[in-house]
Amino acid sequence: MVHLTQFVAVLDDDESVRRALKRLLHSVGVQVETFSSGEAFLDTLSPATSSVPVCVIADFQMPGIDGLELQRRMVRTGVPIIFITGNDDPAIRQKALAQGAAAYLTKPLDGAVLIRAVQIALALR
């Protein structure tokens, strides 16, 4: 599905969620890099590096910057963002999707739905 040099970034402050998503995506041949915060991820996106993910899966509510701020900072990259959240607020969902989120999924995640969302995001890229 993705070349070895390409990867999907998974951002979640919960290590068990990061591990589970990495296992799930590896099971369908997707390379994954995980980050415990939006800041840690954004620090890797300097112009000097060519390691820009093909897709980002991010917990919407993390300490530090939230999903909408992450989305705002990444808009110039064109990288699709799939948000995952345990708190599905329809107004926030609508705002995230209106600002270009590829998907907005609620926890607990359905693995097949997440994989399909990643496939759609990668096809749009």
PDB file of N, CA and C in Angstrom:
ATOM      1  N   MET A   1       0.822  -1.203   0.000  1.00  0.00           N
ATOM      2  CA  MET A   1       0.000   0.000   0.000  1.00  0.00           C
ATOM      3  C   MET A   1       0.858   1.257   0.000  1.00  0.00           C
ATOM      4  N   VAL A   2       1.893   1.329   0.829  1.00  0.00           N
ATOM      5  CA  VAL A   2       2.769   2.502   0.846  1.00  0.00           C
ATOM      6  C   VAL A   2       4.203   2.010   0.661  1.00  0.00           C
ATOM      7  N   HIS A   3       5.011   2.826   0.039  1.00  0.00           N
ATOM      8  CA  HIS A   3       6.417   2.459  -0.119  1.00  0.00           C
ATOM      9  C   HIS A   3       7.116   2.543   1.226  1.00  0.00           C
ATOM     10  N   LEU A   4       8.236   1.829   1.358  1.00  0.00           N
ATOM     11  CA  LEU A   4       8.956   1.777   2.609  1.00  0.00           C
ATOM     12  C   LEU A   4       9.403   3.153   3.096  1.00  0.00           C
ATOM     13  N   THR A   5       9.726   4.058   2.182  1.00  0.00           N
ATOM     14  CA  THR A   5      10.203   5.374   2.587  1.00  0.00           C
ATOM     15  C   THR A   5       9.045   6.257   3.051  1.00  0.00           C
ATOM     16  N   GLN A   6       7.835   5.869   2.737  1.00  0.00           N
ATOM     17  CA  GLN A   6       6.678   6.637   3.158  1.00  0.00           C
ATOM     18  C   GLN A   6       6.183   6.085   4.482  1.00  0.00           C
ATOM     19  N   PHE A   7       5.588   6.981   5.270  1.00  0.00           N
ATOM     20  CA  PHE A   7       5.075   6.520   6.558  1.00  0.00           C
ATOM     21  C   PHE A   7       3.843   7.324   6.958  1.00  0.00           C
ATOM     22  N   VAL A   8       3.099   6.740   7.878  1.00  0.00           N
ATOM     23  CA  VAL A   8       1.956   7.404   8.498  1.00  0.00           C
ATOM     24  C   VAL A   8       2.397   7.779   9.902  1.00  0.00           C
ATOM     25  N   ALA A   9       2.132   9.018  10.307  1.00  0.00           N
ATOM     26  CA  ALA A   9       2.460   9.471  11.666  1.00  0.00           C
ATOM     27  C   ALA A   9       1.247   9.266  12.557  1.00  0.00           C
ATOM     28  N   VAL A  10       1.460   8.667  13.719  1.00  0.00           N
ATOM     29  CA  VAL A  10       0.405   8.463  14.719  1.00  0.00           C
ATOM     30  C   VAL A  10       0.744   9.307  15.933  1.00  0.00           C
ATOM     31  N   LEU A  11      -0.167  10.222  16.298  1.00  0.00           N
ATOM     32  CA  LEU A  11       0.039  11.119  17.432  1.00  0.00           C
ATOM     33  C   LEU A  11      -1.022  10.834  18.484  1.00  0.00           C
ATOM     34  N   ASP A  12      -0.594  10.396  19.650  1.00  0.00           N
ATOM     35  CA  ASP A  12      -1.529  10.164  20.760  1.00  0.00           C
ATOM     36  C   ASP A  12      -0.734  10.218  22.046  1.00  0.00           C
ATOM     37  N   ASP A  13      -1.304  10.825  23.081  1.00  0.00           N
ATOM     38  CA  ASP A  13      -0.594  10.910  24.356  1.00  0.00           C
ATOM     39  C   ASP A  13      -0.683   9.601  25.143  1.00  0.00           C
ATOM     40  N   ASP A  14      -1.479   8.649  24.675  1.00  0.00           N
ATOM     41  CA  ASP A  14      -1.624   7.354  25.336  1.00  0.00           C
ATOM     42  C   ASP A  14      -0.753   6.320  24.603  1.00  0.00           C
ATOM     43  N   GLU A  15       0.270   5.828  25.304  1.00  0.00           N
ATOM     44  CA  GLU A  15       1.207   4.891  24.677  1.00  0.00           C
ATOM     45  C   GLU A  15       0.519   3.622  24.180  1.00  0.00           C
ATOM     46  N   SER A  16      -0.476   3.124  24.916  1.00  0.00           N
ATOM     47  CA  SER A  16      -1.150   1.893  24.496  1.00  0.00           C
ATOM     48  C   SER A  16      -1.919   2.112  23.183  1.00  0.00           C
ATOM     49  N   VAL A  17      -2.481   3.302  23.000  1.00  0.00           N
ATOM     50  CA  VAL A  17      -3.169   3.624  21.745  1.00  0.00           C
ATOM     51  C   VAL A  17      -2.151   3.686  20.603  1.00  0.00           C
ATOM     52  N   ARG A  18      -1.006   4.327  20.848  1.00  0.00           N
ATOM     53  CA  ARG A  18       0.040   4.400  19.815  1.00  0.00           C
ATOM     54  C   ARG A  18       0.482   3.001  19.404  1.00  0.00           C
ATOM     55  N   ARG A  19       0.716   2.135  20.388  1.00  0.00           N
ATOM     56  CA  ARG A  19       1.161   0.761  20.090  1.00  0.00           C
ATOM     57  C   ARG A  19       0.101   0.007  19.291  1.00  0.00           C
ATOM     58  N   ALA A  20      -1.155   0.118  19.708  1.00  0.00           N
ATOM     59  CA  ALA A  20      -2.241  -0.601  19.041  1.00  0.00           C
ATOM     60  C   ALA A  20      -2.397  -0.135  17.589  1.00  0.00           C
ATOM     61  N   LEU A  21      -2.340   1.178  17.371  1.00  0.00           N
ATOM     62  CA  LEU A  21      -2.482   1.700  16.007  1.00  0.00           C
ATOM     63  C   LEU A  21      -1.300   1.295  15.144  1.00  0.00           C
ATOM     64  N   LYS A  22      -0.110   1.288  15.722  1.00  0.00           N
ATOM     65  CA  LYS A  22       1.072   0.879  14.969  1.00  0.00           C
ATOM     66  C   LYS A  22       0.934  -0.587  14.538  1.00  0.00           C
ATOM     67  N   ARG A  23       0.517  -1.454  15.464  1.00  0.00           N
ATOM     68  CA  ARG A  23       0.311  -2.876  15.142  1.00  0.00           C
ATOM     69  C   ARG A  23      -0.737  -3.045  14.039  1.00  0.00           C
ATOM     70  N   LEU A  24      -1.854  -2.332  14.191  1.00  0.00           N
ATOM     71  CA  LEU A  24      -2.939  -2.432  13.210  1.00  0.00           C
ATOM     72  C   LEU A  24      -2.449  -2.028  11.822  1.00  0.00           C
ATOM     73  N   LEU A  25      -1.783  -0.895  11.731  1.00  0.00           N
ATOM     74  CA  LEU A  25      -1.334  -0.405  10.429  1.00  0.00           C
ATOM     75  C   LEU A  25      -0.219  -1.272   9.853  1.00  0.00           C
ATOM     76  N   HIS A  26       0.686  -1.766  10.709  1.00  0.00           N
ATOM     77  CA  HIS A  26       1.725  -2.694  10.235  1.00  0.00           C
ATOM     78  C   HIS A  26       1.097  -3.940   9.631  1.00  0.00           C
ATOM     79  N   SER A  27      -0.047  -4.364  10.191  1.00  0.00           N
ATOM     80  CA  SER A  27      -0.696  -5.596   9.705  1.00  0.00           C
ATOM     81  C   SER A  27      -1.173  -5.473   8.261  1.00  0.00           C
ATOM     82  N   VAL A  28      -1.318  -4.238   7.774  1.00  0.00           N
ATOM     83  CA  VAL A  28      -1.710  -4.032   6.370  1.00  0.00           C
ATOM     84  C   VAL A  28      -0.574  -3.399   5.567  1.00  0.00           C
ATOM     85  N   GLY A  29       0.651  -3.512   6.100  1.00  0.00           N
ATOM     86  CA  GLY A  29       1.821  -3.087   5.349  1.00  0.00           C
ATOM     87  C   GLY A  29       2.150  -1.612   5.383  1.00  0.00           C
ATOM     88  N   VAL A  30       1.634  -0.882   6.372  1.00  0.00           N
ATOM     89  CA  VAL A  30       1.892   0.552   6.456  1.00  0.00           C
ATOM     90  C   VAL A  30       3.012   0.817   7.465  1.00  0.00           C
ATOM     91  N   GLN A  31       4.022   1.575   7.044  1.00  0.00           N
ATOM     92  CA  GLN A  31       5.088   2.013   7.947  1.00  0.00           C
ATOM     93  C   GLN A  31       4.526   3.097   8.858  1.00  0.00           C
ATOM     94  N   VAL A  32       4.883   3.058  10.133  1.00  0.00           N
ATOM     95  CA  VAL A  32       4.334   3.999  11.111  1.00  0.00           C
ATOM     96  C   VAL A  32       5.454   4.593  11.961  1.00  0.00           C
ATOM     97  N   GLU A  33       5.350   5.888  12.222  1.00  0.00           N
ATOM     98  CA  GLU A  33       6.176   6.536  13.234  1.00  0.00           C
ATOM     99  C   GLU A  33       5.203   7.121  14.248  1.00  0.00           C
ATOM    100  N   THR A  34       5.515   6.951  15.538  1.00  0.00           N
ATOM    101  CA  THR A  34       4.597   7.430  16.577  1.00  0.00           C
ATOM    102  C   THR A  34       5.195   8.615  17.332  1.00  0.00           C
ATOM    103  N   PHE A  35       4.307   9.466  17.828  1.00  0.00           N
ATOM    104  CA  PHE A  35       4.680  10.669  18.564  1.00  0.00           C
ATOM    105  C   PHE A  35       3.720  10.831  19.735  1.00  0.00           C
ATOM    106  N   SER A  36       4.240  11.298  20.884  1.00  0.00           N
ATOM    107  CA  SER A  36       3.402  11.418  22.077  1.00  0.00           C
ATOM    108  C   SER A  36       2.704  12.772  22.172  1.00  0.00           C
ATOM    109  N   SER A  37       3.028  13.707  21.257  1.00  0.00           N
ATOM    110  CA  SER A  37       2.360  15.009  21.285  1.00  0.00           C
ATOM    111  C   SER A  37       2.442  15.664  19.914  1.00  0.00           C
ATOM    112  N   GLY A  38       1.581  16.651  19.713  1.00  0.00           N
ATOM    113  CA  GLY A  38       1.623  17.414  18.478  1.00  0.00           C
ATOM    114  C   GLY A  38       2.925  18.172  18.342  1.00  0.00           C
ATOM    115  N   GLU A  39       3.422  18.702  19.465  1.00  0.00           N
ATOM    116  CA  GLU A  39       4.685  19.435  19.426  1.00  0.00           C
ATOM    117  C   GLU A  39       5.841  18.539  19.007  1.00  0.00           C
ATOM    118  N   ALA A  40       5.905  17.332  19.571  1.00  0.00           N
ATOM    119  CA  ALA A  40       6.987  16.398  19.221  1.00  0.00           C
ATOM    120  C   ALA A  40       6.946  16.096  17.726  1.00  0.00           C
ATOM    121  N   PHE A  41       5.762  15.933  17.183  1.00  0.00           N
ATOM    122  CA  PHE A  41       5.619  15.672  15.757  1.00  0.00           C
ATOM    123  C   PHE A  41       6.032  16.883  14.933  1.00  0.00           C
ATOM    124  N   LEU A  42       5.516  18.064  15.272  1.00  0.00           N
ATOM    125  CA  LEU A  42       5.816  19.267  14.498  1.00  0.00           C
ATOM    126  C   LEU A  42       7.306  19.586  14.509  1.00  0.00           C
ATOM    127  N   ASP A  43       7.997  19.232  15.587  1.00  0.00           N
ATOM    128  CA  ASP A  43       9.441  19.461  15.657  1.00  0.00           C
ATOM    129  C   ASP A  43      10.189  18.671  14.589  1.00  0.00           C
ATOM    130  N   THR A  44       9.595  17.585  14.096  1.00  0.00           N
ATOM    131  CA  THR A  44      10.266  16.778  13.069  1.00  0.00           C
ATOM    132  C   THR A  44      10.015  17.321  11.666  1.00  0.00           C
ATOM    133  N   LEU A  45       9.102  18.274  11.534  1.00  0.00           N
ATOM    134  CA  LEU A  45       8.732  18.783  10.215  1.00  0.00           C
ATOM    135  C   LEU A  45       9.517  20.037   9.820  1.00  0.00           C
ATOM    136  N   SER A  46      10.807  19.999   9.985  1.00  0.00           N
ATOM    137  CA  SER A  46      11.590  21.165   9.586  1.00  0.00           C
ATOM    138  C   SER A  46      11.866  21.091   8.090  1.00  0.00           C
ATOM    139  N   PRO A  47      12.102  22.241   7.455  1.00  0.00           N
ATOM    140  CA  PRO A  47      12.392  22.248   6.016  1.00  0.00           C
ATOM    141  C   PRO A  47      13.643  21.435   5.665  1.00  0.00           C
ATOM    142  N   ALA A  48      14.516  21.233   6.639  1.00  0.00           N
ATOM    143  CA  ALA A  48      15.767  20.506   6.387  1.00  0.00           C
ATOM    144  C   ALA A  48      15.545  18.999   6.265  1.00  0.00           C
ATOM    145  N   THR A  49      14.406  18.508   6.737  1.00  0.00           N
ATOM    146  CA  THR A  49      14.164  17.064   6.661  1.00  0.00           C
ATOM    147  C   THR A  49      13.179  16.760   5.545  1.00  0.00           C
ATOM    148  N   SER A  50      13.311  15.590   5.000  1.00  0.00           N
ATOM    149  CA  SER A  50      12.373  15.187   3.953  1.00  0.00           C
ATOM    150  C   SER A  50      11.392  14.158   4.497  1.00  0.00           C
ATOM    151  N   SER A  51      11.370  14.008   5.817  1.00  0.00           N
ATOM    152  CA  SER A  51      10.503  12.991   6.413  1.00  0.00           C
ATOM    153  C   SER A  51       9.129  13.574   6.734  1.00  0.00           C
ATOM    154  N   VAL A  52       8.356  13.807   5.687  1.00  0.00           N
ATOM    155  CA  VAL A  52       6.989  14.276   5.862  1.00  0.00           C
ATOM    156  C   VAL A  52       6.081  13.068   5.656  1.00  0.00           C
ATOM    157  N   PRO A  53       5.178  12.819   6.588  1.00  0.00           N
ATOM    158  CA  PRO A  53       4.316  11.638   6.450  1.00  0.00           C
ATOM    159  C   PRO A  53       3.340  11.785   5.292  1.00  0.00           C
ATOM    160  N   VAL A  54       2.837  10.647   4.832  1.00  0.00           N
ATOM    161  CA  VAL A  54       1.820  10.667   3.777  1.00  0.00           C
ATOM    162  C   VAL A  54       0.439  10.875   4.381  1.00  0.00           C
ATOM    163  N   CYS A  55       0.342  10.689   5.695  1.00  0.00           N
ATOM    164  CA  CYS A  55      -0.928  10.848   6.400  1.00  0.00           C
ATOM    165  C   CYS A  55      -0.624  10.967   7.889  1.00  0.00           C
ATOM    166  N   VAL A  56      -1.460  11.698   8.615  1.00  0.00           N
ATOM    167  CA  VAL A  56      -1.323  11.823  10.069  1.00  0.00           C
ATOM    168  C   VAL A  56      -2.607  11.326  10.715  1.00  0.00           C
ATOM    169  N   ILE A  57      -2.452  10.484  11.724  1.00  0.00           N
ATOM    170  CA  ILE A  57      -3.581  10.064  12.560  1.00  0.00           C
ATOM    171  C   ILE A  57      -3.316  10.678  13.920  1.00  0.00           C
ATOM    172  N   ALA A  58      -4.188  11.575  14.366  1.00  0.00           N
ATOM    173  CA  ALA A  58      -3.922  12.308  15.596  1.00  0.00           C
ATOM    174  C   ALA A  58      -5.107  12.291  16.545  1.00  0.00           C
ATOM    175  N   ASP A  59      -4.784  12.062  17.820  1.00  0.00           N
ATOM    176  CA  ASP A  59      -5.775  12.223  18.875  1.00  0.00           C
ATOM    177  C   ASP A  59      -6.164  13.697  18.870  1.00  0.00           C
ATOM    178  N   PHE A  60      -7.457  13.982  18.894  1.00  0.00           N
ATOM    179  CA  PHE A  60      -7.892  15.373  18.810  1.00  0.00           C
ATOM    180  C   PHE A  60      -7.588  16.139  20.082  1.00  0.00           C
ATOM    181  N   GLN A  61      -7.678  15.470  21.233  1.00  0.00           N
ATOM    182  CA  GLN A  61      -7.483  16.140  22.524  1.00  0.00           C
ATOM    183  C   GLN A  61      -6.228  15.612  23.200  1.00  0.00           C
ATOM    184  N   MET A  62      -5.121  16.340  23.017  1.00  0.00           N
ATOM    185  CA  MET A  62      -3.869  15.985  23.669  1.00  0.00           C
ATOM    186  C   MET A  62      -3.399  17.190  24.466  1.00  0.00           C
ATOM    187  N   PRO A  63      -2.554  16.956  25.479  1.00  0.00           N
ATOM    188  CA  PRO A  63      -1.959  18.089  26.173  1.00  0.00           C
ATOM    189  C   PRO A  63      -1.170  18.929  25.164  1.00  0.00           C
ATOM    190  N   GLY A  64      -1.092  20.226  25.402  1.00  0.00           N
ATOM    191  CA  GLY A  64      -0.384  21.086  24.445  1.00  0.00           C
ATOM    192  C   GLY A  64      -1.332  21.512  23.348  1.00  0.00           C
ATOM    193  N   ILE A  65      -0.896  21.390  22.116  1.00  0.00           N
ATOM    194  CA  ILE A  65      -1.748  21.842  21.013  1.00  0.00           C
ATOM    195  C   ILE A  65      -2.838  20.811  20.708  1.00  0.00           C
ATOM    196  N   ASP A  66      -4.039  21.293  20.432  1.00  0.00           N
ATOM    197  CA  ASP A  66      -5.150  20.392  20.122  1.00  0.00           C
ATOM    198  C   ASP A  66      -5.206  20.130  18.622  1.00  0.00           C
ATOM    199  N   GLY A  67      -6.169  19.350  18.214  1.00  0.00           N
ATOM    200  CA  GLY A  67      -6.297  18.960  16.818  1.00  0.00           C
ATOM    201  C   GLY A  67      -6.459  20.117  15.851  1.00  0.00           C
ATOM    202  N   LEU A  68      -7.286  21.099  16.213  1.00  0.00           N
ATOM    203  CA  LEU A  68      -7.503  22.225  15.300  1.00  0.00           C
ATOM    204  C   LEU A  68      -6.228  23.044  15.105  1.00  0.00           C
ATOM    205  N   GLU A  69      -5.445  23.212  16.172  1.00  0.00           N
ATOM    206  CA  GLU A  69      -4.181  23.941  16.059  1.00  0.00           C
ATOM    207  C   GLU A  69      -3.171  23.144  15.221  1.00  0.00           C
ATOM    208  N   LEU A  70      -3.116  21.836  15.442  1.00  0.00           N
ATOM    209  CA  LEU A  70      -2.244  20.981  14.633  1.00  0.00           C
ATOM    210  C   LEU A  70      -2.616  21.106  13.154  1.00  0.00           C
ATOM    211  N   GLN A  71      -3.909  21.049  12.897  1.00  0.00           N
ATOM    212  CA  GLN A  71      -4.416  21.159  11.527  1.00  0.00           C
ATOM    213  C   GLN A  71      -4.019  22.510  10.915  1.00  0.00           C
ATOM    214  N   ARG A  72      -4.161  23.579  11.688  1.00  0.00           N
ATOM    215  CA  ARG A  72      -3.815  24.912  11.198  1.00  0.00           C
ATOM    216  C   ARG A  72      -2.326  24.991  10.839  1.00  0.00           C
ATOM    217  N   ARG A  73      -1.484  24.412  11.699  1.00  0.00           N
ATOM    218  CA  ARG A  73      -0.041  24.472  11.467  1.00  0.00           C
ATOM    219  C   ARG A  73       0.400  23.589  10.305  1.00  0.00           C
ATOM    220  N   MET A  74      -0.401  22.575   9.983  1.00  0.00           N
ATOM    221  CA  MET A  74      -0.010  21.637   8.922  1.00  0.00           C
ATOM    222  C   MET A  74      -0.638  21.938   7.571  1.00  0.00           C
ATOM    223  N   VAL A  75      -1.522  22.901   7.491  1.00  0.00           N
ATOM    224  CA  VAL A  75      -2.274  23.136   6.260  1.00  0.00           C
ATOM    225  C   VAL A  75      -1.361  23.320   5.042  1.00  0.00           C
ATOM    226  N   ARG A  76      -0.227  23.956   5.223  1.00  0.00           N
ATOM    227  CA  ARG A  76       0.685  24.201   4.098  1.00  0.00           C
ATOM    228  C   ARG A  76       1.329  22.919   3.560  1.00  0.00           C
ATOM    229  N   THR A  77       1.340  21.849   4.367  1.00  0.00           N
ATOM    230  CA  THR A  77       1.997  20.609   3.940  1.00  0.00           C
ATOM    231  C   THR A  77       1.122  19.789   2.986  1.00  0.00           C
ATOM    232  N   GLY A  78      -0.197  19.979   3.058  1.00  0.00           N
ATOM    233  CA  GLY A  78      -1.099  19.176   2.239  1.00  0.00           C
ATOM    234  C   GLY A  78      -1.251  17.743   2.723  1.00  0.00           C
ATOM    235  N   VAL A  79      -0.708  17.437   3.905  1.00  0.00           N
ATOM    236  CA  VAL A  79      -0.788  16.078   4.445  1.00  0.00           C
ATOM    237  C   VAL A  79      -2.178  15.860   5.046  1.00  0.00           C
ATOM    238  N   PRO A  80      -2.877  14.802   4.613  1.00  0.00           N
ATOM    239  CA  PRO A  80      -4.213  14.548   5.184  1.00  0.00           C
ATOM    240  C   PRO A  80      -4.125  14.151   6.661  1.00  0.00           C
ATOM    241  N   ILE A  81      -5.090  14.646   7.442  1.00  0.00           N
ATOM    242  CA  ILE A  81      -5.141  14.345   8.874  1.00  0.00           C
ATOM    243  C   ILE A  81      -6.431  13.595   9.179  1.00  0.00           C
ATOM    244  N   ILE A  82      -6.266  12.481   9.881  1.00  0.00           N
ATOM    245  CA  ILE A  82      -7.403  11.718  10.382  1.00  0.00           C
ATOM    246  C   ILE A  82      -7.407  11.918  11.895  1.00  0.00           C
ATOM    247  N   PHE A  83      -8.483  12.492  12.415  1.00  0.00           N
ATOM    248  CA  PHE A  83      -8.576  12.706  13.852  1.00  0.00           C
ATOM    249  C   PHE A  83      -9.272  11.528  14.509  1.00  0.00           C
ATOM    250  N   ILE A  84      -8.783  11.182  15.708  1.00  0.00           N
ATOM    251  CA  ILE A  84      -9.448  10.183  16.541  1.00  0.00           C
ATOM    252  C   ILE A  84      -9.724  10.861  17.880  1.00  0.00           C
ATOM    253  N   THR A  85     -10.862  10.565  18.466  1.00  0.00           N
ATOM    254  CA  THR A  85     -11.226  11.231  19.719  1.00  0.00           C
ATOM    255  C   THR A  85     -12.135  10.357  20.572  1.00  0.00           C
ATOM    256  N   GLY A  86     -12.047  10.569  21.859  1.00  0.00           N
ATOM    257  CA  GLY A  86     -12.948   9.889  22.790  1.00  0.00           C
ATOM    258  C   GLY A  86     -14.142  10.754  23.135  1.00  0.00           C
ATOM    259  N   ASN A  87     -14.119  12.002  22.677  1.00  0.00           N
ATOM    260  CA  ASN A  87     -15.178  12.951  23.002  1.00  0.00           C
ATOM    261  C   ASN A  87     -15.737  13.525  21.712  1.00  0.00           C
ATOM    262  N   ASP A  88     -16.809  12.945  21.224  1.00  0.00           N
ATOM    263  CA  ASP A  88     -17.340  13.353  19.931  1.00  0.00           C
ATOM    264  C   ASP A  88     -18.311  14.519  20.065  1.00  0.00           C
ATOM    265  N   ASP A  89     -17.786  15.729  19.969  1.00  0.00           N
ATOM    266  CA  ASP A  89     -18.596  16.937  19.984  1.00  0.00           C
ATOM    267  C   ASP A  89     -18.941  17.283  18.535  1.00  0.00           C
ATOM    268  N   PRO A  90     -20.239  17.257  18.166  1.00  0.00           N
ATOM    269  CA  PRO A  90     -20.625  17.511  16.776  1.00  0.00           C
ATOM    270  C   PRO A  90     -20.111  18.841  16.221  1.00  0.00           C
ATOM    271  N   ALA A  91     -20.053  19.888  17.056  1.00  0.00           N
ATOM    272  CA  ALA A  91     -19.575  21.194  16.583  1.00  0.00           C
ATOM    273  C   ALA A  91     -18.088  21.141  16.242  1.00  0.00           C
ATOM    274  N   ILE A  92     -17.307  20.451  17.077  1.00  0.00           N
ATOM    275  CA  ILE A  92     -15.874  20.329  16.819  1.00  0.00           C
ATOM    276  C   ILE A  92     -15.637  19.432  15.604  1.00  0.00           C
ATOM    277  N   ARG A  93     -16.404  18.337  15.515  1.00  0.00           N
ATOM    278  CA  ARG A  93     -16.304  17.448  14.359  1.00  0.00           C
ATOM    279  C   ARG A  93     -16.532  18.251  13.076  1.00  0.00           C
ATOM    280  N   GLN A  94     -17.599  19.047  13.067  1.00  0.00           N
ATOM    281  CA  GLN A  94     -17.946  19.833  11.885  1.00  0.00           C
ATOM    282  C   GLN A  94     -16.834  20.814  11.530  1.00  0.00           C
ATOM    283  N   LYS A  95     -16.276  21.467  12.550  1.00  0.00           N
ATOM    284  CA  LYS A  95     -15.212  22.450  12.311  1.00  0.00           C
ATOM    285  C   LYS A  95     -13.962  21.770  11.742  1.00  0.00           C
ATOM    286  N   ALA A  96     -13.578  20.639  12.322  1.00  0.00           N
ATOM    287  CA  ALA A  96     -12.389  19.914  11.842  1.00  0.00           C
ATOM    288  C   ALA A  96     -12.568  19.474  10.393  1.00  0.00           C
ATOM    289  N   LEU A  97     -13.735  18.929  10.077  1.00  0.00           N
ATOM    290  CA  LEU A  97     -13.992  18.472   8.708  1.00  0.00           C
ATOM    291  C   LEU A  97     -14.071  19.657   7.744  1.00  0.00           C
ATOM    292  N   ALA A  98     -14.673  20.766   8.198  1.00  0.00           N
ATOM    293  CA  ALA A  98     -14.773  21.955   7.358  1.00  0.00           C
ATOM    294  C   ALA A  98     -13.394  22.535   7.055  1.00  0.00           C
ATOM    295  N   GLN A  99     -12.459  22.361   7.982  1.00  0.00           N
ATOM    296  CA  GLN A  99     -11.102  22.870   7.782  1.00  0.00           C
ATOM    297  C   GLN A  99     -10.211  21.867   7.053  1.00  0.00           C
ATOM    298  N   GLY A 100     -10.794  20.760   6.601  1.00  0.00           N
ATOM    299  CA  GLY A 100     -10.043  19.856   5.741  1.00  0.00           C
ATOM    300  C   GLY A 100      -9.606  18.529   6.314  1.00  0.00           C
ATOM    301  N   ALA A 101     -10.071  18.161   7.512  1.00  0.00           N
ATOM    302  CA  ALA A 101      -9.701  16.846   8.045  1.00  0.00           C
ATOM    303  C   ALA A 101     -10.198  15.756   7.099  1.00  0.00           C
ATOM    304  N   ALA A 102      -9.374  14.725   6.907  1.00  0.00           N
ATOM    305  CA  ALA A 102      -9.755  13.615   6.029  1.00  0.00           C
ATOM    306  C   ALA A 102     -10.837  12.756   6.679  1.00  0.00           C
ATOM    307  N   ALA A 103     -10.802  12.666   8.018  1.00  0.00           N
ATOM    308  CA  ALA A 103     -11.802  11.879   8.750  1.00  0.00           C
ATOM    309  C   ALA A 103     -11.764  12.297  10.213  1.00  0.00           C
ATOM    310  N   TYR A 104     -12.852  12.009  10.912  1.00  0.00           N
ATOM    311  CA  TYR A 104     -12.976  12.320  12.338  1.00  0.00           C
ATOM    312  C   TYR A 104     -13.652  11.103  12.967  1.00  0.00           C
ATOM    313  N   LEU A 105     -12.852  10.239  13.602  1.00  0.00           N
ATOM    314  CA  LEU A 105     -13.344   8.956  14.100  1.00  0.00           C
ATOM    315  C   LEU A 105     -13.367   8.936  15.619  1.00  0.00           C
ATOM    316  N   THR A 106     -14.331   8.220  16.189  1.00  0.00           N
ATOM    317  CA  THR A 106     -14.439   8.157  17.642  1.00  0.00           C
ATOM    318  C   THR A 106     -13.847   6.859  18.188  1.00  0.00           C
ATOM    319  N   LYS A 107     -13.288   6.977  19.405  1.00  0.00           N
ATOM    320  CA  LYS A 107     -12.761   5.815  20.123  1.00  0.00           C
ATOM    321  C   LYS A 107     -13.914   5.200  20.895  1.00  0.00           C
ATOM    322  N   PRO A 108     -13.951   3.907  21.101  1.00  0.00           N
ATOM    323  CA  PRO A 108     -12.968   2.944  20.596  1.00  0.00           C
ATOM    324  C   PRO A 108     -13.069   2.827  19.074  1.00  0.00           C
ATOM    325  N   LEU A 109     -11.915   2.715  18.447  1.00  0.00           N
ATOM    326  CA  LEU A 109     -11.856   2.692  16.990  1.00  0.00           C
ATOM    327  C   LEU A 109     -12.215   1.330  16.429  1.00  0.00           C
ATOM    328  N   ASP A 110     -12.865   1.350  15.296  1.00  0.00           N
ATOM    329  CA  ASP A 110     -13.090   0.146  14.507  1.00  0.00           C
ATOM    330  C   ASP A 110     -11.896   0.075  13.555  1.00  0.00           C
ATOM    331  N   GLY A 111     -11.066  -0.959  13.717  1.00  0.00           N
ATOM    332  CA  GLY A 111      -9.845  -1.076  12.924  1.00  0.00           C
ATOM    333  C   GLY A 111     -10.086  -1.007  11.419  1.00  0.00           C
ATOM    334  N   ALA A 112     -11.132  -1.668  10.954  1.00  0.00           N
ATOM    335  CA  ALA A 112     -11.428  -1.667   9.512  1.00  0.00           C
ATOM    336  C   ALA A 112     -11.791  -0.272   9.022  1.00  0.00           C
ATOM    337  N   VAL A 113     -12.515   0.487   9.833  1.00  0.00           N
ATOM    338  CA  VAL A 113     -12.893   1.852   9.459  1.00  0.00           C
ATOM    339  C   VAL A 113     -11.643   2.737   9.392  1.00  0.00           C
ATOM    340  N   LEU A 114     -10.750   2.575  10.363  1.00  0.00           N
ATOM    341  CA  LEU A 114      -9.519   3.362  10.362  1.00  0.00           C
ATOM    342  C   LEU A 114      -8.661   3.025   9.140  1.00  0.00           C
ATOM    343  N   ILE A 115      -8.500   1.752   8.861  1.00  0.00           N
ATOM    344  CA  ILE A 115      -7.697   1.353   7.694  1.00  0.00           C
ATOM    345  C   ILE A 115      -8.304   1.925   6.420  1.00  0.00           C
ATOM    346  N   ARG A 116      -9.615   1.873   6.302  1.00  0.00           N
ATOM    347  CA  ARG A 116     -10.286   2.434   5.117  1.00  0.00           C
ATOM    348  C   ARG A 116     -10.060   3.953   5.038  1.00  0.00           C
ATOM    349  N   ALA A 117     -10.133   4.641   6.163  1.00  0.00           N
ATOM    350  CA  ALA A 117      -9.902   6.090   6.180  1.00  0.00           C
ATOM    351  C   ALA A 117      -8.479   6.408   5.727  1.00  0.00           C
ATOM    352  N   VAL A 118      -7.501   5.606   6.163  1.00  0.00           N
ATOM    353  CA  VAL A 118      -6.108   5.806   5.739  1.00  0.00           C
ATOM    354  C   VAL A 118      -5.987   5.569   4.234  1.00  0.00           C
ATOM    355  N   GLN A 119      -6.607   4.510   3.748  1.00  0.00           N
ATOM    356  CA  GLN A 119      -6.555   4.223   2.304  1.00  0.00           C
ATOM    357  C   GLN A 119      -7.159   5.369   1.495  1.00  0.00           C
ATOM    358  N   ILE A 120      -8.270   5.903   1.948  1.00  0.00           N
ATOM    359  CA  ILE A 120      -8.924   7.021   1.238  1.00  0.00           C
ATOM    360  C   ILE A 120      -8.028   8.263   1.292  1.00  0.00           C
ATOM    361  N   ALA A 121      -7.459   8.552   2.466  1.00  0.00           N
ATOM    362  CA  ALA A 121      -6.575   9.715   2.615  1.00  0.00           C
ATOM    363  C   ALA A 121      -5.368   9.598   1.697  1.00  0.00           C
ATOM    364  N   LEU A 122      -4.799   8.405   1.601  1.00  0.00           N
ATOM    365  CA  LEU A 122      -3.627   8.210   0.742  1.00  0.00           C
ATOM    366  C   LEU A 122      -3.996   8.333  -0.733  1.00  0.00           C
ATOM    367  N   ALA A 123      -5.188   7.900  -1.089  1.00  0.00           N
ATOM    368  CA  ALA A 123      -5.634   8.008  -2.481  1.00  0.00           C
ATOM    369  C   ALA A 123      -5.874   9.472  -2.867  1.00  0.00           C
ATOM    370  N   LEU A 124      -6.295  10.282  -1.902  1.00  0.00           N
ATOM    371  CA  LEU A 124      -6.555  11.697  -2.166  1.00  0.00           C
ATOM    372  C   LEU A 124      -5.275  12.497  -2.307  1.00  0.00           C
ATOM    373  N   ARG A 125      -4.201  11.974  -1.753  1.00  0.00           N
ATOM    374  CA  ARG A 125      -2.952  12.740  -1.727  1.00  0.00           C
ATOM    375  C   ARG A 125      -2.342  12.853  -3.102  1.00  0.00           C
TER     376      ARG A 125
END
